[in-house]
């Protein structure tokens, strides 16, 4: 049979027959005709449809290098979108636009900008096309997502409603409205929009995956599992669905089922950072630190990690990947983790590192610099402000290796016995005495600190509580309750009324920037009650008696996600289930010995 005819017949059969079987037949033909570039392209398209994206990418890249194949470039950047590799996608889009000005691809550039958090650039492209056609659904969708990303829910909702007035079955608008109302904690409306999308296309694995994610975050894990399994039946080669299913089993503490699905996902995409991170959390909760830390470095390739590290390309060229670090004579640069809380947590390993490595410099948040210099006084000259070296090429050239602070775990926390049990951060004694003197004017016997919100995180609202949730604590006799909540909470405090006690503020204490002052106040407390935020880490590092109200399982990070009410990272922190706290089953009087 003529080769072209044979290929065309197989391509026709692919849409209606056994897709994997047809693919295997086409692959056999290709292996005998590797110089046939049209065949290679068709094979790549089928690989992409089967979610064999590694193979598809390899073929597209070959064709792009060989002949600047525009179709291959388009398909490749769409794979990058799926993989959340938005910088790579944007570079390809720019390459295409230099060859030819495609309107649809220019709009995809707006989407890439959105995902890279360059919101204004995304809006500008959308405005250009909406000026020509105010019913351009593609641009309206991106613009709506821009407003959503900025937290302007009112404008985002209006745009998605406008889209539905044009096209009542637009799945993107329905799903976006579901996400917005879920973010606003309007569960009924969110569920309605997700279900509306499902009614329109009950065979779309993306739609089913979205509603499964909604049910997972609502704590309806069994419903989530049902939908994830249905999504897998429609798209059995999609690693991300297996990963989501693994996370849901993990929420239920079904670790064997979680691992099984994580390994299925990794078999499909062995180098995917998000899949590795999920598996690392499972092992870390099981206190299998050897395996946990090995997979934990998957976070380094995640888009969220990359976006927050502006020098990551230069730094990763010097990344230390060896299994043993002991007594190395090389020059090391330690880069802090992204949030202040994580930075404090992983600083608990700095003592081990500094004793072990002779030539190491540690970059840190400027707000923590004096605390770290004092706490590791023997090595105070090793600490510099963030960017001191990583942003200066001539200084970075003198560094042999770079390590991110979270990666120290695989060298210094290989088992439970490696964790330190003593506080590792020291307060300024003069500041501490000054704070204690200030507290003398508050006549009551016990000092309680309170922090109830988390900010600047995907799960911030899921970690947070309301001041009113703590109203019973203000009824306790002989207790001062001090505000340790950073951020814009003035209105909430002003609206909070309590007859027994008021929440007290230490004058001129900057709860966002003055970590020395915060540390002194924390150290002066009898107990600190908090949610998962950076102040919780500071309290733990100081050895302050702390009750930490955990977020729901899906929003937990590995250091709080423990089998019991203790974490090996901080000996003074006791973990409280959110549900138990909200039901009022926590008796603070017992902790204060009232």
Protein backbone atom coordinates (compact mmCIF):
# COMPACT_ATOMS: atom_id res chain seq x y z
CA UNK A 1 0.00 0.00 0.00
CA UNK A 2 1.16 3.55 -0.75
CA UNK A 3 2.81 5.06 2.37
CA UNK A 4 0.76 8.27 2.35
CA UNK A 5 -2.47 6.32 1.91
CA UNK A 6 -1.51 3.97 4.73
CA UNK A 7 -0.80 6.93 7.02
CA UNK A 8 -4.04 8.70 6.12
CA UNK A 9 -6.06 5.56 6.84
CA UNK A 10 -4.45 5.24 10.26
CA UNK A 11 -5.10 8.91 11.04
CA UNK A 12 -8.79 8.47 10.18
CA UNK A 13 -9.02 5.35 12.34
CA UNK A 14 -7.35 7.14 15.24
CA UNK A 15 -10.37 9.38 15.87
CA UNK A 16 -12.84 6.50 16.19
CA UNK A 17 -10.81 3.37 16.96
CA UNK A 18 -8.41 2.09 19.60
CA UNK A 19 -6.23 5.18 19.85
CA UNK A 20 -3.26 3.54 21.57
CA UNK A 21 -3.24 0.63 19.11
CA UNK A 22 -3.36 2.99 16.11
CA UNK A 23 -0.58 5.08 17.63
CA UNK A 24 1.64 2.00 18.00
CA UNK A 25 1.07 1.10 14.34
CA UNK A 26 1.91 4.64 13.24
CA UNK A 27 5.02 4.59 15.43
CA UNK A 28 6.24 1.41 13.70
CA UNK A 29 5.85 3.07 10.31
CA UNK A 30 7.68 6.18 11.56
CA UNK A 31 10.63 4.13 12.86
CA UNK A 32 11.19 2.97 9.28
CA UNK A 33 10.66 6.45 7.78
CA UNK A 34 12.26 8.91 10.19
CA UNK A 35 13.15 11.37 7.44
CA UNK A 36 9.47 11.87 6.61
CA UNK A 37 8.80 15.16 8.41
CA UNK A 38 5.05 15.19 7.71
CA UNK A 39 4.81 11.78 9.33
CA UNK A 40 6.85 13.02 12.29
CA UNK A 41 4.50 15.98 12.70
CA UNK A 42 1.38 13.76 12.59
CA UNK A 43 2.96 11.38 15.07
CA UNK A 44 3.68 14.31 17.42
CA UNK A 45 0.06 15.53 17.15
CA UNK A 46 -1.18 12.08 18.14
CA UNK A 47 1.34 11.89 20.99
CA UNK A 48 0.04 15.24 22.21
CA UNK A 49 -3.56 13.99 22.09
CA UNK A 50 -2.52 10.95 24.12
CA UNK A 51 -0.71 13.21 26.64
CA UNK A 52 2.62 11.68 25.65
CA UNK A 53 3.96 15.20 25.82
CA UNK A 54 7.63 14.33 26.34
CA UNK A 55 7.66 12.42 23.05
CA UNK A 56 5.57 15.08 21.30
CA UNK A 57 7.88 17.86 22.47
CA UNK A 58 10.93 16.01 21.19
CA UNK A 59 9.42 15.72 17.71
CA UNK A 60 8.17 19.31 17.63
CA UNK A 61 11.58 20.63 18.71
CA UNK A 62 13.24 18.57 15.97
CA UNK A 63 10.92 20.06 13.32
CA UNK A 64 11.35 23.60 14.66
CA UNK A 65 15.14 23.34 14.53
CA UNK A 66 15.02 21.78 11.08
CA UNK A 67 12.51 23.99 9.29
CA UNK A 68 10.99 26.55 11.72
CA UNK A 69 7.73 24.61 11.46
CA UNK A 70 5.10 27.07 12.71
CA UNK A 71 2.45 24.43 13.42
CA UNK A 72 4.98 22.63 15.58
CA UNK A 73 5.80 25.88 17.38
CA UNK A 74 2.11 26.51 18.10
CA UNK A 75 1.53 22.98 19.38
CA UNK A 76 4.69 23.12 21.48
CA UNK A 77 3.78 26.34 23.27
CA UNK A 78 0.34 24.87 24.00
CA UNK A 79 2.10 21.95 25.72
CA UNK A 80 4.15 24.48 27.68
CA UNK A 81 0.90 26.13 28.75
CA UNK A 82 -0.36 22.79 30.09
CA UNK A 83 2.94 22.24 31.89
CA UNK A 84 2.82 25.80 33.28
CA UNK A 85 6.10 26.65 31.59
CA UNK A 86 4.98 30.13 30.67
CA UNK A 87 8.39 31.68 30.01
CA UNK A 88 9.12 28.97 27.43
CA UNK A 89 5.68 29.47 25.90
CA UNK A 90 6.18 33.24 25.68
CA UNK A 91 9.55 32.84 23.97
CA UNK A 92 8.03 30.56 21.33
CA UNK A 93 5.10 32.93 20.81
CA UNK A 94 7.51 35.82 20.24
CA UNK A 95 9.46 33.70 17.73
CA UNK A 96 6.26 32.98 15.79
CA UNK A 97 5.16 36.62 15.81
CA UNK A 98 8.51 37.64 14.34
CA UNK A 99 7.79 35.33 11.40
CA UNK A 100 4.12 36.17 10.97
CA UNK A 101 1.58 38.32 12.85
CA UNK A 102 -1.16 35.88 13.84
CA UNK A 103 -4.02 37.51 15.75
CA UNK A 104 -4.87 34.31 17.68
CA UNK A 105 -1.24 33.90 18.73
CA UNK A 106 -1.02 37.52 19.82
CA UNK A 107 -4.01 36.80 22.08
CA UNK A 108 -2.18 33.76 23.43
CA UNK A 109 0.63 36.15 24.27
CA UNK A 110 -1.84 38.03 26.46
CA UNK A 111 -2.61 34.74 28.22
CA UNK A 112 1.12 34.07 28.76
CA UNK A 113 1.56 37.55 30.22
CA UNK A 114 -1.39 36.89 32.55
CA UNK A 115 0.19 33.69 33.84
CA UNK A 116 3.53 35.45 34.30
CA UNK A 117 1.74 38.10 36.38
CA UNK A 118 2.47 40.84 33.85
CA UNK A 119 -1.14 41.89 34.15
CA UNK A 120 -0.88 45.30 32.49
CA UNK A 121 0.78 43.88 29.36
CA UNK A 122 -1.99 41.28 29.15
CA UNK A 123 -4.68 43.94 29.56
CA UNK A 124 -3.09 46.11 26.85
CA UNK A 125 -3.28 43.34 24.26
CA UNK A 126 -6.89 42.57 25.20
CA UNK A 127 -7.84 46.26 25.02
CA UNK A 128 -6.35 46.46 21.50
CA UNK A 129 -8.65 43.73 20.18
CA UNK A 130 -11.70 44.67 22.24
CA UNK A 131 -11.53 48.17 20.75
CA UNK A 132 -12.12 46.51 17.38
CA UNK A 133 -14.70 44.01 18.64
CA UNK A 134 -16.15 44.37 22.14
CA UNK A 135 -17.58 40.85 21.88
CA UNK A 136 -14.23 39.16 21.34
CA UNK A 137 -14.77 36.22 23.71
CA UNK A 138 -11.12 35.10 23.80
CA UNK A 139 -9.97 38.55 24.94
CA UNK A 140 -12.89 39.00 27.33
CA UNK A 141 -11.96 35.70 28.99
CA UNK A 142 -8.34 36.75 29.46
CA UNK A 143 -9.35 40.21 30.69
CA UNK A 144 -11.75 38.65 33.19
CA UNK A 145 -8.94 36.44 34.47
CA UNK A 146 -6.71 39.52 34.79
CA UNK A 147 -9.24 41.17 37.08
CA UNK A 148 -9.66 37.88 38.98
CA UNK A 149 -5.90 37.70 39.43
CA UNK A 150 -5.90 41.25 40.83
CA UNK A 151 -8.68 40.37 43.27
CA UNK A 152 -11.15 42.66 41.50
CA UNK A 153 -13.97 40.11 41.68
CA UNK A 154 -16.71 42.61 40.81
CA UNK A 155 -15.20 43.51 37.42
CA UNK A 156 -14.24 39.88 36.71
CA UNK A 157 -17.79 38.66 37.40
CA UNK A 158 -19.25 41.34 35.11
CA UNK A 159 -16.97 40.30 32.25
CA UNK A 160 -17.75 36.60 32.60
CA UNK A 161 -21.47 37.39 32.83
CA UNK A 162 -21.10 39.42 29.60
CA UNK A 163 -19.48 36.40 27.94
CA UNK A 164 -22.40 34.18 28.98
CA UNK A 165 -24.81 36.72 27.50
CA UNK A 166 -22.98 36.26 24.20
CA UNK A 167 -22.46 32.51 24.57
CA UNK A 168 -24.47 30.89 27.37
CA UNK A 169 -22.49 27.65 27.02
CA UNK A 170 -19.01 29.11 27.29
CA UNK A 171 -17.17 26.62 29.49
CA UNK A 172 -14.27 28.92 30.32
CA UNK A 173 -16.60 31.63 31.65
CA UNK A 174 -18.64 29.12 33.68
CA UNK A 175 -15.55 27.60 35.24
CA UNK A 176 -14.07 31.03 35.96
CA UNK A 177 -17.26 32.12 37.71
CA UNK A 178 -17.15 28.90 39.71
CA UNK A 179 -13.59 29.68 40.79
CA UNK A 180 -14.40 33.31 41.68
CA UNK A 181 -17.41 32.45 43.82
CA UNK A 182 -15.43 29.68 45.47
CA UNK A 183 -12.72 32.24 46.27
CA UNK A 184 -15.45 34.51 47.70
CA UNK A 185 -16.63 31.52 49.75
CA UNK A 186 -20.05 31.56 48.09
CA UNK A 187 -20.13 27.77 47.87
CA UNK A 188 -23.66 27.44 46.46
CA UNK A 189 -23.02 29.76 43.51
CA UNK A 190 -19.61 28.20 42.87
CA UNK A 191 -21.10 24.70 42.75
CA UNK A 192 -23.91 25.90 40.46
CA UNK A 193 -21.48 27.21 37.83
CA UNK A 194 -19.28 24.11 37.98
CA UNK A 195 -22.37 21.89 37.58
CA UNK A 196 -23.66 24.07 34.72
CA UNK A 197 -20.38 23.46 32.90
CA UNK A 198 -20.69 19.74 33.59
CA UNK A 199 -24.22 19.68 32.11
CA UNK A 200 -22.94 21.28 28.90
CA UNK A 201 -20.01 18.92 28.49
CA UNK A 202 -20.08 15.92 30.80
CA UNK A 203 -17.31 14.24 28.84
CA UNK A 204 -14.73 17.00 29.18
CA UNK A 205 -12.01 15.78 31.52
CA UNK A 206 -11.06 19.42 32.24
CA UNK A 207 -14.60 20.27 33.36
CA UNK A 208 -14.78 17.12 35.49
CA UNK A 209 -11.34 17.84 36.94
CA UNK A 210 -12.50 21.35 37.92
CA UNK A 211 -15.55 20.16 39.83
CA UNK A 212 -13.48 17.45 41.49
CA UNK A 213 -11.07 20.14 42.69
CA UNK A 214 -14.00 22.16 44.03
CA UNK A 215 -15.30 19.21 46.05
CA UNK A 216 -11.81 18.46 47.37
CA UNK A 217 -11.45 22.00 48.74
CA UNK A 218 -14.94 21.77 50.23
CA UNK A 219 -13.83 18.70 52.18
CA UNK A 220 -16.11 16.40 50.15
CA UNK A 221 -13.29 14.04 49.35
CA UNK A 222 -15.40 11.07 48.29
CA UNK A 223 -17.18 13.17 45.67
CA UNK A 224 -13.83 14.51 44.51
CA UNK A 225 -12.45 10.97 44.15
CA UNK A 226 -15.48 9.92 42.12
CA UNK A 227 -15.01 12.77 39.65
CA UNK A 228 -11.23 12.38 39.43
CA UNK A 229 -11.70 8.69 38.58
CA UNK A 230 -14.23 9.63 35.90
CA UNK A 231 -11.78 12.17 34.51
CA UNK A 232 -9.07 9.50 34.40
CA UNK A 233 -11.40 7.13 32.52
CA UNK A 234 -11.76 9.81 29.84
CA UNK A 235 -8.06 10.72 29.79
CA UNK A 236 -6.02 7.84 31.24
CA UNK A 237 -2.64 9.30 30.26
CA UNK A 238 -3.02 12.59 32.11
CA UNK A 239 -0.51 12.74 34.94
CA UNK A 240 -2.11 15.80 36.54
CA UNK A 241 -5.40 14.01 37.23
CA UNK A 242 -3.55 11.15 38.93
CA UNK A 243 -1.69 13.78 40.94
CA UNK A 244 -4.95 15.44 42.02
CA UNK A 245 -6.37 12.04 42.98
CA UNK A 246 -3.21 11.35 45.00
CA UNK A 247 -3.63 14.65 46.87
CA UNK A 248 -7.24 13.78 47.71
CA UNK A 249 -6.27 10.38 49.11
CA UNK A 250 -3.52 12.14 51.06
CA UNK A 251 -6.14 14.48 52.56
CA UNK A 252 -7.92 11.36 53.82
CA UNK A 253 -4.66 9.92 55.21
CA UNK A 254 -4.92 7.03 52.74
CA UNK A 255 -1.21 7.11 52.03
CA UNK A 256 -0.94 3.81 50.14
CA UNK A 257 -3.61 4.94 47.66
CA UNK A 258 -1.96 8.36 47.44
CA UNK A 259 1.45 6.85 46.65
CA UNK A 260 -0.03 4.48 44.08
CA UNK A 261 -1.52 7.38 42.12
CA UNK A 262 1.60 9.51 42.54
CA UNK A 263 3.71 6.75 41.03
CA UNK A 264 1.23 6.41 38.14
CA UNK A 265 1.59 10.14 37.54
CA UNK A 266 5.39 10.02 37.73
CA UNK A 267 5.51 7.12 35.30
CA UNK A 268 3.84 9.42 32.77
CA UNK A 269 5.93 12.50 33.64
CA UNK A 270 9.02 11.45 35.64
CA UNK A 271 10.58 14.91 35.87
CA UNK A 272 7.45 16.92 36.75
CA UNK A 273 8.07 19.07 39.83
CA UNK A 274 4.48 19.22 41.07
CA UNK A 275 4.16 15.42 41.00
CA UNK A 276 7.43 15.07 42.89
CA UNK A 277 6.34 17.64 45.47
CA UNK A 278 3.10 15.74 46.16
CA UNK A 279 5.02 12.52 46.75
CA UNK A 280 7.51 14.34 48.97
CA UNK A 281 4.70 15.53 51.26
CA UNK A 282 3.42 11.97 51.65
CA UNK A 283 6.84 10.67 52.65
CA UNK A 284 7.55 13.63 54.94
CA UNK A 285 4.31 13.07 56.84
CA UNK A 286 5.32 9.42 57.24
CA UNK A 287 8.67 10.70 58.59
CA UNK A 288 10.43 8.90 55.74
CA UNK A 289 12.79 11.83 55.31
CA UNK A 290 15.25 10.13 52.95
CA UNK A 291 12.58 9.68 50.27
CA UNK A 292 10.74 12.86 51.21
CA UNK A 293 13.67 15.21 50.65
CA UNK A 294 14.69 13.47 47.42
CA UNK A 295 11.34 14.36 45.88
CA UNK A 296 11.06 17.75 47.62
CA UNK A 297 13.47 19.39 45.20
CA UNK A 298 10.73 19.06 42.58
CA UNK A 299 9.48 22.41 43.88
CA UNK A 300 12.47 24.11 42.24
CA UNK A 301 10.95 23.63 38.77
CA UNK A 302 7.47 24.88 39.67
CA UNK A 303 6.32 28.06 38.01
CA UNK A 304 5.36 29.62 41.35
CA UNK A 305 8.89 29.03 42.67
CA UNK A 306 10.48 30.35 39.49
CA UNK A 307 8.37 33.53 39.43
CA UNK A 308 9.46 34.47 42.95
CA UNK A 309 13.17 33.98 42.23
CA UNK A 310 14.16 36.55 39.63
CA UNK A 311 17.75 35.28 39.32
CA UNK A 312 16.81 31.61 39.13
CA UNK A 313 18.33 30.91 35.70
CA UNK A 314 21.77 32.13 36.79
CA UNK A 315 21.51 30.44 40.17
CA UNK A 316 20.42 27.08 38.83
CA UNK A 317 23.56 26.85 36.72
CA UNK A 318 25.47 26.54 40.00
CA UNK A 319 22.93 24.35 41.81
CA UNK A 320 24.53 21.78 44.13
CA UNK A 321 23.12 18.35 43.29
CA UNK A 322 25.54 15.98 45.01
CA UNK A 323 24.35 13.52 47.64
CA UNK A 324 27.09 14.35 50.14
CA UNK A 325 28.03 17.83 51.35
CA UNK A 326 30.21 17.02 54.38
CA UNK A 327 33.39 19.07 54.87
CA UNK A 328 33.29 20.52 51.36
CA UNK A 329 35.93 23.20 50.69
CA UNK A 330 33.86 24.83 47.95
CA UNK A 331 32.23 28.26 48.25
CA UNK A 332 28.49 27.92 48.87
CA UNK A 333 25.67 30.44 48.60
CA UNK A 334 22.43 29.64 50.44
CA UNK A 335 19.32 31.26 49.01
CA UNK A 336 16.40 31.72 51.38
CA UNK A 337 13.02 30.10 50.68
CA UNK A 338 10.24 32.29 49.31
CA UNK A 339 8.29 33.27 52.42
CA UNK A 340 9.60 34.62 55.72
CA UNK A 341 7.94 31.74 57.57
CA UNK A 342 9.70 29.09 55.49
CA UNK A 343 12.93 31.05 55.76
CA UNK A 344 12.76 30.91 59.56
CA UNK A 345 11.83 27.21 59.52
CA UNK A 346 14.78 26.15 57.37
CA UNK A 347 17.11 28.43 59.32
CA UNK A 348 16.87 25.75 62.01
CA UNK A 349 19.39 23.86 59.83
CA UNK A 350 21.83 26.78 59.50
CA UNK A 351 23.66 25.75 62.66
CA UNK A 352 24.40 22.30 61.19
CA UNK A 353 25.47 23.84 57.89
CA UNK A 354 27.75 26.48 59.38
CA UNK A 355 29.56 23.93 61.55
CA UNK A 356 29.95 21.64 58.56
CA UNK A 357 30.91 23.97 55.69
CA UNK A 358 33.82 26.34 56.07
CA UNK A 359 33.01 28.75 53.24
CA UNK A 360 29.30 29.54 53.08
CA UNK A 361 27.30 32.75 52.70
CA UNK A 362 23.59 32.90 53.55
CA UNK A 363 21.30 35.47 51.97
CA UNK A 364 18.27 36.42 54.05
CA UNK A 365 15.32 38.76 54.24
CA UNK A 366 16.60 42.14 55.57
CA UNK A 367 13.99 41.95 58.36
CA UNK A 368 15.67 38.80 59.71
CA UNK A 369 19.31 39.80 59.28
CA UNK A 370 19.97 41.05 62.82
CA UNK A 371 18.11 38.10 64.36
CA UNK A 372 20.18 35.59 62.39
CA UNK A 373 23.49 37.38 63.08
CA UNK A 374 22.78 37.30 66.83
CA UNK A 375 21.43 33.75 66.87
CA UNK A 376 24.43 32.37 64.99
CA UNK A 377 26.87 34.87 66.50
CA UNK A 378 29.96 32.75 65.88
CA UNK A 379 29.19 32.97 62.16
CA UNK A 380 27.55 36.41 62.01
CA UNK A 381 29.70 37.53 59.09
CA UNK A 382 28.22 34.75 56.93
CA UNK A 383 24.79 36.44 56.72
CA UNK A 384 24.01 39.07 54.08
CA UNK A 385 20.85 40.67 52.75
CA UNK A 386 18.88 39.02 49.98
CA UNK A 387 20.39 39.88 46.58
CA UNK A 388 23.78 40.87 47.97
CA UNK A 389 25.43 38.12 45.92
CA UNK A 390 22.65 36.56 43.82
CA UNK A 391 21.94 39.88 42.06
CA UNK A 392 25.58 40.78 41.46
CA UNK A 393 27.15 38.82 38.61
CA UNK A 394 30.74 39.55 39.60
CA UNK A 395 30.09 38.24 43.14
CA UNK A 396 28.15 35.22 41.93
CA UNK A 397 31.04 34.23 39.67
CA UNK A 398 33.16 33.60 42.78
CA UNK A 399 30.58 31.13 44.16
CA UNK A 400 31.05 27.43 43.38
CA UNK A 401 27.63 26.13 44.39
CA UNK A 402 24.14 27.40 45.20
CA UNK A 403 21.63 25.70 47.51
CA UNK A 404 18.10 26.75 48.38
CA UNK A 405 17.50 26.62 52.14
CA UNK A 406 14.73 24.01 51.90
CA UNK A 407 17.11 21.62 50.17
CA UNK A 408 19.30 21.45 53.28
CA UNK A 409 16.87 18.89 54.69
CA UNK A 410 18.31 16.05 52.63
CA UNK A 411 21.69 16.61 54.28
CA UNK A 412 20.77 17.53 57.85
CA UNK A 413 17.29 16.10 58.59
CA UNK A 414 17.51 12.50 57.40
CA UNK A 415 15.54 11.14 60.36
CA UNK A 416 13.67 12.36 63.43
CA UNK A 417 16.74 12.21 65.65
CA UNK A 418 18.41 14.90 63.48
CA UNK A 419 15.89 17.58 64.47
CA UNK A 420 16.88 20.07 67.15
CA UNK A 421 14.62 20.42 70.19
CA UNK A 422 15.92 23.71 71.58
CA UNK A 423 14.99 27.23 70.38
CA UNK A 424 17.47 28.53 67.81
CA UNK A 425 16.55 32.23 67.53
CA UNK A 426 17.70 34.66 70.24
CA UNK A 427 16.08 37.99 71.05
CA UNK A 428 17.88 41.26 71.67
CA UNK A 429 18.12 41.38 75.48
CA UNK A 430 17.73 45.15 75.74
CA UNK A 431 14.68 45.16 73.47
CA UNK A 432 13.25 42.23 75.42
CA UNK A 433 13.64 44.04 78.77
CA UNK A 434 12.07 47.16 77.29
CA UNK A 435 9.07 45.15 76.07
CA UNK A 436 8.66 43.49 79.46
CA UNK A 437 8.66 46.90 81.14
CA UNK A 438 6.01 48.13 78.70
CA UNK A 439 3.80 45.17 79.59
CA UNK A 440 3.91 46.08 83.29
CA UNK A 441 1.26 48.75 82.73
CA UNK A 442 -1.19 46.01 81.79
CA UNK A 443 -2.20 44.84 85.25
CA UNK A 444 -3.52 41.39 84.48
CA UNK A 445 -1.49 38.30 85.24
CA UNK A 446 -1.38 36.39 81.95
CA UNK A 447 -0.30 37.67 78.54
CA UNK A 448 -1.83 36.03 75.46
CA UNK A 449 -0.76 36.81 71.89
CA UNK A 450 -3.18 36.39 69.01
CA UNK A 451 -2.74 36.12 65.24
CA UNK A 452 -5.62 34.90 63.08
CA UNK A 453 -4.80 35.51 59.42
CA UNK A 454 -2.36 34.46 56.72
CA UNK A 455 -1.59 36.59 53.67
CA UNK A 456 0.17 36.38 50.30
CA UNK A 457 -0.45 32.71 49.65
CA UNK A 458 -2.72 30.67 47.39
CA UNK A 459 -4.30 29.16 50.50
CA UNK A 460 -4.25 32.30 52.65
CA UNK A 461 -8.02 32.44 53.14
CA UNK A 462 -8.13 28.71 53.93
CA UNK A 463 -5.55 29.17 56.67
CA UNK A 464 -7.21 32.25 58.12
CA UNK A 465 -9.91 32.68 60.76
CA UNK A 466 -11.93 35.67 61.97
CA UNK A 467 -11.25 37.59 65.14
CA UNK A 468 -14.75 36.74 66.28
CA UNK A 469 -13.78 33.03 66.26
CA UNK A 470 -11.61 33.80 69.30
CA UNK A 471 -14.27 35.69 71.28
CA UNK A 472 -14.28 33.16 74.15
CA UNK A 473 -10.60 33.85 74.82
CA UNK A 474 -11.46 37.46 75.62
CA UNK A 475 -13.74 36.29 78.42
CA UNK A 476 -10.89 34.69 80.35
CA UNK A 477 -10.18 36.31 83.74
CA UNK A 478 -6.91 38.00 84.51
CA UNK A 479 -5.67 37.87 80.87
CA UNK A 480 -4.28 40.50 78.48
CA UNK A 481 -4.80 39.69 74.79
CA UNK A 482 -2.23 41.30 72.49
CA UNK A 483 -2.59 41.82 68.77
CA UNK A 484 0.16 40.10 66.77
CA UNK A 485 -1.69 40.16 63.46
CA UNK A 486 0.15 41.88 60.62
CA UNK A 487 -1.66 43.20 57.55
CA UNK A 488 -4.76 45.31 57.04
CA UNK A 489 -7.01 44.19 59.90
CA UNK A 490 -7.88 47.59 61.43
CA UNK A 491 -11.54 47.44 60.37
CA UNK A 492 -11.96 43.93 61.74
CA UNK A 493 -10.44 44.98 65.09
CA UNK A 494 -12.61 48.12 65.25
CA UNK A 495 -15.75 46.08 64.53
CA UNK A 496 -14.88 43.50 67.17
CA UNK A 497 -16.69 44.23 70.41
CA UNK A 498 -16.07 42.44 73.67
CA UNK A 499 -17.17 43.51 77.13
CA UNK A 500 -14.62 41.58 79.13
CA UNK A 501 -11.35 42.39 77.33
CA UNK A 502 -10.21 44.34 74.31
CA UNK A 503 -7.41 43.38 71.97
CA UNK A 504 -4.33 45.36 72.89
CA UNK A 505 -1.77 46.93 70.58
CA UNK A 506 1.83 47.71 71.48
CA UNK A 507 2.35 51.28 70.32
CA UNK A 508 4.80 51.89 67.48
CA UNK A 509 5.37 48.14 66.92
CA UNK A 510 5.39 47.47 63.16
CA UNK A 511 3.93 43.97 62.93
CA UNK A 512 5.08 43.55 59.36
CA UNK A 513 8.66 44.82 59.38
CA UNK A 514 9.95 44.91 62.97
CA UNK A 515 10.84 41.28 63.61
CA UNK A 516 13.09 42.26 66.51
CA UNK A 517 10.14 43.92 68.26
CA UNK A 518 7.78 41.06 67.40
CA UNK A 519 10.29 38.54 68.77
CA UNK A 520 10.58 40.48 72.03
CA UNK A 521 6.79 40.61 72.43
CA UNK A 522 6.41 36.91 71.62
CA UNK A 523 9.08 36.01 74.16
CA UNK A 524 7.17 38.01 76.80
CA UNK A 525 3.95 36.01 76.36
CA UNK A 526 2.58 33.17 78.42
CA UNK A 527 1.04 31.67 75.30
CA UNK A 528 0.64 32.54 71.61
CA UNK A 529 -2.42 31.44 69.63
CA UNK A 530 -2.10 31.59 65.87
CA UNK A 531 -2.93 30.19 62.45
CA UNK A 532 -0.31 29.08 59.93
CA UNK A 533 1.62 32.25 59.12
CA UNK A 534 5.13 33.69 59.44
CA UNK A 535 4.62 34.81 63.07
CA UNK A 536 3.90 31.19 64.00
CA UNK A 537 7.35 30.21 62.72
CA UNK A 538 9.01 33.02 64.64
CA UNK A 539 7.26 31.94 67.85
CA UNK A 540 8.32 28.33 67.33
CA UNK A 541 11.93 29.31 66.64
CA UNK A 542 11.98 31.30 69.92
CA UNK A 543 10.56 28.43 71.98
CA UNK A 544 7.36 30.33 72.82
CA UNK A 545 4.46 28.13 73.96
CA UNK A 546 2.24 28.20 70.89
CA UNK A 547 -1.13 26.77 69.91
CA UNK A 548 -1.33 26.61 66.12
CA UNK A 549 -4.72 26.10 64.51
CA UNK A 550 -4.06 24.03 61.43
CA UNK A 551 -5.76 24.77 58.09
CA UNK A 552 -7.72 22.03 56.36
CA UNK A 553 -5.62 19.19 54.94
CA UNK A 554 -5.47 20.45 51.35
CA UNK A 555 -3.92 23.76 52.51
CA UNK A 556 -1.36 22.20 54.87
CA UNK A 557 2.38 22.37 54.37
CA UNK A 558 4.61 19.50 55.37
CA UNK A 559 5.88 21.02 58.62
CA UNK A 560 2.38 21.25 60.15
CA UNK A 561 1.02 18.11 58.48
CA UNK A 562 1.83 15.61 61.22
CA UNK A 563 0.30 12.39 62.55
CA UNK A 564 -0.18 13.87 66.02
CA UNK A 565 -0.31 17.31 67.64
CA UNK A 566 3.45 17.94 67.50
CA UNK A 567 5.87 18.92 64.77
CA UNK A 568 9.56 17.95 64.88
CA UNK A 569 10.49 21.44 63.68
CA UNK A 570 9.39 23.32 66.81
CA UNK A 571 9.23 21.70 70.22
CA UNK A 572 7.07 24.46 71.75
CA UNK A 573 4.28 24.35 69.14
CA UNK A 574 1.13 22.30 69.65
CA UNK A 575 -1.06 21.66 66.62
CA UNK A 576 -4.83 22.06 66.94
CA UNK A 577 -7.34 20.76 64.39
CA UNK A 578 -9.33 23.61 62.86
CA UNK A 579 -12.63 21.78 63.30
CA UNK A 580 -11.94 21.11 67.00
CA UNK A 581 -11.12 24.75 67.57
CA UNK A 582 -14.25 26.05 65.81
CA UNK A 583 -16.39 23.65 67.85
CA UNK A 584 -15.01 25.26 71.00
CA UNK A 585 -13.33 22.13 72.30
CA UNK A 586 -10.06 23.92 73.17
CA UNK A 587 -9.88 24.89 76.83
CA UNK A 588 -7.28 27.64 77.07
CA UNK A 589 -7.57 27.72 80.85
CA UNK A 590 -5.85 24.34 81.00
CA UNK A 591 -2.88 25.69 79.06
CA UNK A 592 -2.59 28.71 81.37
CA UNK A 593 -3.26 26.73 84.56
CA UNK A 594 -6.06 29.12 85.52
